[in-house]
Amino acid sequence: MDWQQAAALGVVALTLGLIAWRRFRPHRFNFHRDTGCGCSSATNPPGLVVHGRRGEKPKITVKSS
């Protein structure tokens, strides 16, 4: 095995190691990933509905019960 093959195998091994590290390491809490919509229902008071889409202005609706 010459130095070029060893260097190529080293690059492949490094890439596989980084991919495995990113896949199996514990992730920090992310509202968008962990709640599905990016908002937490616990932060909104009862009767207050917040709705929005990417690129649009958020719509806040107050519902009386």
PDB file of N, CA and C in Angstrom:
ATOM      1  N   MET A   1       0.857  -1.168   0.000  1.00  0.00           N
ATOM      2  CA  MET A   1       0.000   0.000   0.000  1.00  0.00           C
ATOM      3  C   MET A   1       0.906   1.235   0.000  1.00  0.00           C
ATOM      4  N   ASP A   2       0.710   2.076  -0.990  1.00  0.00           N
ATOM      5  CA  ASP A   2       1.526   3.292  -1.053  1.00  0.00           C
ATOM      6  C   ASP A   2       0.847   4.423  -0.278  1.00  0.00           C
ATOM      7  N   TRP A   3       1.475   5.581  -0.224  1.00  0.00           N
ATOM      8  CA  TRP A   3       1.000   6.685   0.614  1.00  0.00           C
ATOM      9  C   TRP A   3      -0.326   7.260   0.109  1.00  0.00           C
ATOM     10  N   GLN A   4      -0.601   7.177  -1.191  1.00  0.00           N
ATOM     11  CA  GLN A   4      -1.849   7.719  -1.725  1.00  0.00           C
ATOM     12  C   GLN A   4      -3.047   6.885  -1.280  1.00  0.00           C
ATOM     13  N   GLN A   5      -2.885   5.578  -1.280  1.00  0.00           N
ATOM     14  CA  GLN A   5      -3.962   4.711  -0.807  1.00  0.00           C
ATOM     15  C   GLN A   5      -4.190   4.902   0.688  1.00  0.00           C
ATOM     16  N   ALA A   6      -3.120   5.042   1.439  1.00  0.00           N
ATOM     17  CA  ALA A   6      -3.254   5.268   2.878  1.00  0.00           C
ATOM     18  C   ALA A   6      -3.945   6.602   3.151  1.00  0.00           C
ATOM     19  N   ALA A   7      -3.603   7.635   2.390  1.00  0.00           N
ATOM     20  CA  ALA A   7      -4.248   8.939   2.568  1.00  0.00           C
ATOM     21  C   ALA A   7      -5.725   8.865   2.211  1.00  0.00           C
ATOM     22  N   ALA A   8      -6.067   8.173   1.126  1.00  0.00           N
ATOM     23  CA  ALA A   8      -7.467   8.032   0.719  1.00  0.00           C
ATOM     24  C   ALA A   8      -8.269   7.263   1.780  1.00  0.00           C
ATOM     25  N   LEU A   9      -7.690   6.188   2.312  1.00  0.00           N
ATOM     26  CA  LEU A   9      -8.378   5.432   3.363  1.00  0.00           C
ATOM     27  C   LEU A   9      -8.519   6.263   4.634  1.00  0.00           C
ATOM     28  N   GLY A  10      -7.538   7.103   4.917  1.00  0.00           N
ATOM     29  CA  GLY A  10      -7.632   7.987   6.080  1.00  0.00           C
ATOM     30  C   GLY A  10      -8.757   8.991   5.931  1.00  0.00           C
ATOM     31  N   VAL A  11      -8.922   9.553   4.742  1.00  0.00           N
ATOM     32  CA  VAL A  11     -10.013  10.499   4.492  1.00  0.00           C
ATOM     33  C   VAL A  11     -11.363   9.801   4.629  1.00  0.00           C
ATOM     34  N   VAL A  12     -11.477   8.608   4.081  1.00  0.00           N
ATOM     35  CA  VAL A  12     -12.726   7.850   4.181  1.00  0.00           C
ATOM     36  C   VAL A  12     -13.036   7.513   5.635  1.00  0.00           C
ATOM     37  N   ALA A  13     -12.036   7.077   6.387  1.00  0.00           N
ATOM     38  CA  ALA A  13     -12.246   6.741   7.797  1.00  0.00           C
ATOM     39  C   ALA A  13     -12.644   7.972   8.603  1.00  0.00           C
ATOM     40  N   LEU A  14     -12.011   9.101   8.329  1.00  0.00           N
ATOM     41  CA  LEU A  14     -12.361  10.342   9.023  1.00  0.00           C
ATOM     42  C   LEU A  14     -13.795  10.761   8.711  1.00  0.00           C
ATOM     43  N   THR A  15     -14.197  10.658   7.453  1.00  0.00           N
ATOM     44  CA  THR A  15     -15.560  11.011   7.053  1.00  0.00           C
ATOM     45  C   THR A  15     -16.584  10.097   7.723  1.00  0.00           C
ATOM     46  N   LEU A  16     -16.329   8.805   7.728  1.00  0.00           N
ATOM     47  CA  LEU A  16     -17.249   7.869   8.386  1.00  0.00           C
ATOM     48  C   LEU A  16     -17.328   8.131   9.883  1.00  0.00           C
ATOM     49  N   GLY A  17     -16.211   8.465  10.492  1.00  0.00           N
ATOM     50  CA  GLY A  17     -16.216   8.782  11.919  1.00  0.00           C
ATOM     51  C   GLY A  17     -17.041  10.017  12.223  1.00  0.00           C
ATOM     52  N   LEU A  18     -16.911  11.063  11.395  1.00  0.00           N
ATOM     53  CA  LEU A  18     -17.705  12.276  11.604  1.00  0.00           C
ATOM     54  C   LEU A  18     -19.194  12.025  11.394  1.00  0.00           C
ATOM     55  N   ILE A  19     -19.543  11.237  10.389  1.00  0.00           N
ATOM     56  CA  ILE A  19     -20.957  10.910  10.147  1.00  0.00           C
ATOM     57  C   ILE A  19     -21.529  10.133  11.331  1.00  0.00           C
ATOM     58  N   ALA A  20     -20.787   9.156  11.823  1.00  0.00           N
ATOM     59  CA  ALA A  20     -21.259   8.372  12.975  1.00  0.00           C
ATOM     60  C   ALA A  20     -21.383   9.247  14.220  1.00  0.00           C
ATOM     61  N   TRP A  21     -20.450  10.153  14.429  1.00  0.00           N
ATOM     62  CA  TRP A  21     -20.509  11.043  15.591  1.00  0.00           C
ATOM     63  C   TRP A  21     -21.746  11.932  15.526  1.00  0.00           C
ATOM     64  N   ARG A  22     -22.029  12.509  14.369  1.00  0.00           N
ATOM     65  CA  ARG A  22     -23.192  13.387  14.231  1.00  0.00           C
ATOM     66  C   ARG A  22     -24.493  12.612  14.396  1.00  0.00           C
ATOM     67  N   ARG A  23     -24.516  11.355  14.003  1.00  0.00           N
ATOM     68  CA  ARG A  23     -25.758  10.575  14.059  1.00  0.00           C
ATOM     69  C   ARG A  23     -26.057  10.060  15.468  1.00  0.00           C
ATOM     70  N   PHE A  24     -25.056   9.662  16.219  1.00  0.00           N
ATOM     71  CA  PHE A  24     -25.290   8.977  17.483  1.00  0.00           C
ATOM     72  C   PHE A  24     -25.036   9.823  18.720  1.00  0.00           C
ATOM     73  N   ARG A  25     -24.581  11.056  18.580  1.00  0.00           N
ATOM     74  CA  ARG A  25     -24.359  11.884  19.768  1.00  0.00           C
ATOM     75  C   ARG A  25     -25.689  12.437  20.267  1.00  0.00           C
ATOM     76  N   PRO A  26     -25.809  12.738  21.564  1.00  0.00           N
ATOM     77  CA  PRO A  26     -27.051  13.307  22.085  1.00  0.00           C
ATOM     78  C   PRO A  26     -27.220  14.746  21.588  1.00  0.00           C
ATOM     79  N   HIS A  27     -28.451  15.088  21.254  1.00  0.00           N
ATOM     80  CA  HIS A  27     -28.750  16.413  20.720  1.00  0.00           C
ATOM     81  C   HIS A  27     -29.294  17.317  21.815  1.00  0.00           C
ATOM     82  N   ARG A  28     -29.042  18.611  21.645  1.00  0.00           N
ATOM     83  CA  ARG A  28     -29.635  19.587  22.541  1.00  0.00           C
ATOM     84  C   ARG A  28     -31.102  19.768  22.167  1.00  0.00           C
ATOM     85  N   PHE A  29     -31.915  20.258  23.112  1.00  0.00           N
ATOM     86  CA  PHE A  29     -33.336  20.470  22.860  1.00  0.00           C
ATOM     87  C   PHE A  29     -33.517  21.569  21.818  1.00  0.00           C
ATOM     88  N   ASN A  30     -34.355  21.314  20.834  1.00  0.00           N
ATOM     89  CA  ASN A  30     -34.647  22.267  19.777  1.00  0.00           C
ATOM     90  C   ASN A  30     -36.163  22.304  19.612  1.00  0.00           C
ATOM     91  N   PHE A  31     -36.775  23.488  19.781  1.00  0.00           N
ATOM     92  CA  PHE A  31     -38.232  23.577  19.698  1.00  0.00           C
ATOM     93  C   PHE A  31     -38.748  23.087  18.353  1.00  0.00           C
ATOM     94  N   HIS A  32     -38.112  23.495  17.267  1.00  0.00           N
ATOM     95  CA  HIS A  32     -38.618  23.115  15.951  1.00  0.00           C
ATOM     96  C   HIS A  32     -38.558  21.604  15.739  1.00  0.00           C
ATOM     97  N   ARG A  33     -37.468  20.980  16.134  1.00  0.00           N
ATOM     98  CA  ARG A  33     -37.315  19.548  15.925  1.00  0.00           C
ATOM     99  C   ARG A  33     -38.129  18.731  16.926  1.00  0.00           C
ATOM    100  N   ASP A  34     -38.171  19.180  18.195  1.00  0.00           N
ATOM    101  CA  ASP A  34     -38.779  18.369  19.239  1.00  0.00           C
ATOM    102  C   ASP A  34     -40.284  18.582  19.401  1.00  0.00           C
ATOM    103  N   THR A  35     -40.831  19.726  18.982  1.00  0.00           N
ATOM    104  CA  THR A  35     -42.264  19.960  19.118  1.00  0.00           C
ATOM    105  C   THR A  35     -42.998  19.857  17.797  1.00  0.00           C
ATOM    106  N   GLY A  36     -42.294  19.869  16.693  1.00  0.00           N
ATOM    107  CA  GLY A  36     -42.923  19.713  15.396  1.00  0.00           C
ATOM    108  C   GLY A  36     -43.286  21.019  14.727  1.00  0.00           C
ATOM    109  N   CYS A  37     -43.682  22.027  15.495  1.00  0.00           N
ATOM    110  CA  CYS A  37     -44.105  23.281  14.874  1.00  0.00           C
ATOM    111  C   CYS A  37     -43.196  24.440  15.254  1.00  0.00           C
ATOM    112  N   GLY A  38     -42.314  24.253  16.198  1.00  0.00           N
ATOM    113  CA  GLY A  38     -41.438  25.332  16.609  1.00  0.00           C
ATOM    114  C   GLY A  38     -41.984  26.150  17.747  1.00  0.00           C
ATOM    115  N   CYS A  39     -43.178  25.829  18.192  1.00  0.00           N
ATOM    116  CA  CYS A  39     -43.757  26.566  19.310  1.00  0.00           C
ATOM    117  C   CYS A  39     -44.128  25.570  20.407  1.00  0.00           C
ATOM    118  N   SER A  40     -44.123  26.015  21.604  1.00  0.00           N
ATOM    119  CA  SER A  40     -44.473  25.159  22.724  1.00  0.00           C
ATOM    120  C   SER A  40     -45.851  25.571  23.229  1.00  0.00           C
ATOM    121  N   SER A  41     -46.741  24.620  23.405  1.00  0.00           N
ATOM    122  CA  SER A  41     -48.090  24.945  23.862  1.00  0.00           C
ATOM    123  C   SER A  41     -48.075  25.432  25.302  1.00  0.00           C
ATOM    124  N   ALA A  42     -47.024  25.107  26.052  1.00  0.00           N
ATOM    125  CA  ALA A  42     -46.952  25.542  27.445  1.00  0.00           C
ATOM    126  C   ALA A  42     -46.662  27.039  27.561  1.00  0.00           C
ATOM    127  N   THR A  43     -46.113  27.658  26.515  1.00  0.00           N
ATOM    128  CA  THR A  43     -45.786  29.073  26.584  1.00  0.00           C
ATOM    129  C   THR A  43     -46.983  29.960  26.279  1.00  0.00           C
ATOM    130  N   ASN A  44     -48.013  29.417  25.633  1.00  0.00           N
ATOM    131  CA  ASN A  44     -49.192  30.198  25.295  1.00  0.00           C
ATOM    132  C   ASN A  44     -50.224  30.079  26.409  1.00  0.00           C
ATOM    133  N   PRO A  45     -50.772  31.218  26.897  1.00  0.00           N
ATOM    134  CA  PRO A  45     -51.822  31.136  27.903  1.00  0.00           C
ATOM    135  C   PRO A  45     -53.095  30.538  27.304  1.00  0.00           C
ATOM    136  N   PRO A  46     -53.988  29.985  28.146  1.00  0.00           N
ATOM    137  CA  PRO A  46     -55.235  29.420  27.623  1.00  0.00           C
ATOM    138  C   PRO A  46     -56.055  30.507  26.920  1.00  0.00           C
ATOM    139  N   GLY A  47     -56.617  30.159  25.769  1.00  0.00           N
ATOM    140  CA  GLY A  47     -57.433  31.098  25.022  1.00  0.00           C
ATOM    141  C   GLY A  47     -56.646  31.908  24.009  1.00  0.00           C
ATOM    142  N   LEU A  48     -55.343  31.751  23.950  1.00  0.00           N
ATOM    143  CA  LEU A  48     -54.518  32.486  23.007  1.00  0.00           C
ATOM    144  C   LEU A  48     -53.968  31.504  21.984  1.00  0.00           C
ATOM    145  N   VAL A  49     -54.279  31.735  20.701  1.00  0.00           N
ATOM    146  CA  VAL A  49     -53.853  30.851  19.635  1.00  0.00           C
ATOM    147  C   VAL A  49     -52.887  31.612  18.741  1.00  0.00           C
ATOM    148  N   VAL A  50     -51.701  31.055  18.554  1.00  0.00           N
ATOM    149  CA  VAL A  50     -50.692  31.668  17.700  1.00  0.00           C
ATOM    150  C   VAL A  50     -50.521  30.777  16.488  1.00  0.00           C
ATOM    151  N   HIS A  51     -50.662  31.367  15.304  1.00  0.00           N
ATOM    152  CA  HIS A  51     -50.532  30.608  14.065  1.00  0.00           C
ATOM    153  C   HIS A  51     -49.648  31.386  13.113  1.00  0.00           C
ATOM    154  N   GLY A  52     -48.732  30.719  12.455  1.00  0.00           N
ATOM    155  CA  GLY A  52     -47.873  31.395  11.491  1.00  0.00           C
ATOM    156  C   GLY A  52     -47.220  30.408  10.566  1.00  0.00           C
ATOM    157  N   ARG A  53     -46.875  30.897   9.395  1.00  0.00           N
ATOM    158  CA  ARG A  53     -46.141  30.106   8.419  1.00  0.00           C
ATOM    159  C   ARG A  53     -44.869  30.840   8.050  1.00  0.00           C
ATOM    160  N   ARG A  54     -43.943  30.133   7.515  1.00  0.00           N
ATOM    161  CA  ARG A  54     -42.665  30.729   7.150  1.00  0.00           C
ATOM    162  C   ARG A  54     -42.882  31.818   6.093  1.00  0.00           C
ATOM    163  N   GLY A  55     -42.332  32.989   6.350  1.00  0.00           N
ATOM    164  CA  GLY A  55     -42.428  34.083   5.405  1.00  0.00           C
ATOM    165  C   GLY A  55     -43.678  34.925   5.563  1.00  0.00           C
ATOM    166  N   GLU A  56     -44.604  34.521   6.440  1.00  0.00           N
ATOM    167  CA  GLU A  56     -45.831  35.283   6.652  1.00  0.00           C
ATOM    168  C   GLU A  56     -45.825  35.894   8.048  1.00  0.00           C
ATOM    169  N   LYS A  57     -46.663  36.892   8.228  1.00  0.00           N
ATOM    170  CA  LYS A  57     -46.795  37.533   9.521  1.00  0.00           C
ATOM    171  C   LYS A  57     -47.565  36.612  10.472  1.00  0.00           C
ATOM    172  N   PRO A  58     -47.115  36.447  11.723  1.00  0.00           N
ATOM    173  CA  PRO A  58     -47.838  35.588  12.670  1.00  0.00           C
ATOM    174  C   PRO A  58     -49.232  36.123  12.960  1.00  0.00           C
ATOM    175  N   LYS A  59     -50.170  35.204  13.110  1.00  0.00           N
ATOM    176  CA  LYS A  59     -51.561  35.562  13.399  1.00  0.00           C
ATOM    177  C   LYS A  59     -51.872  35.138  14.837  1.00  0.00           C
ATOM    178  N   ILE A  60     -52.293  36.078  15.665  1.00  0.00           N
ATOM    179  CA  ILE A  60     -52.617  35.800  17.065  1.00  0.00           C
ATOM    180  C   ILE A  60     -54.119  35.990  17.243  1.00  0.00           C
ATOM    181  N   THR A  61     -54.798  34.950  17.736  1.00  0.00           N
ATOM    182  CA  THR A  61     -56.232  34.980  17.931  1.00  0.00           C
ATOM    183  C   THR A  61     -56.530  34.769  19.411  1.00  0.00           C
ATOM    184  N   VAL A  62     -57.406  35.606  19.968  1.00  0.00           N
ATOM    185  CA  VAL A  62     -57.817  35.464  21.357  1.00  0.00           C
ATOM    186  C   VAL A  62     -59.203  34.853  21.364  1.00  0.00           C
ATOM    187  N   LYS A  63     -59.337  33.685  22.008  1.00  0.00           N
ATOM    188  CA  LYS A  63     -60.619  32.993  22.080  1.00  0.00           C
ATOM    189  C   LYS A  63     -61.182  33.141  23.498  1.00  0.00           C
ATOM    190  N   SER A  64     -62.427  33.528  23.565  1.00  0.00           N
ATOM    191  CA  SER A  64     -63.077  33.599  24.884  1.00  0.00           C
ATOM    192  C   SER A  64     -63.827  32.295  25.104  1.00  0.00           C
ATOM    193  N   SER A  65     -63.723  31.748  26.310  1.00  0.00           N
ATOM    194  CA  SER A  65     -64.338  30.451  26.555  1.00  0.00           C
ATOM    195  C   SER A  65     -65.695  30.561  27.154  1.00  0.00           C
TER     196      SER A  65
END
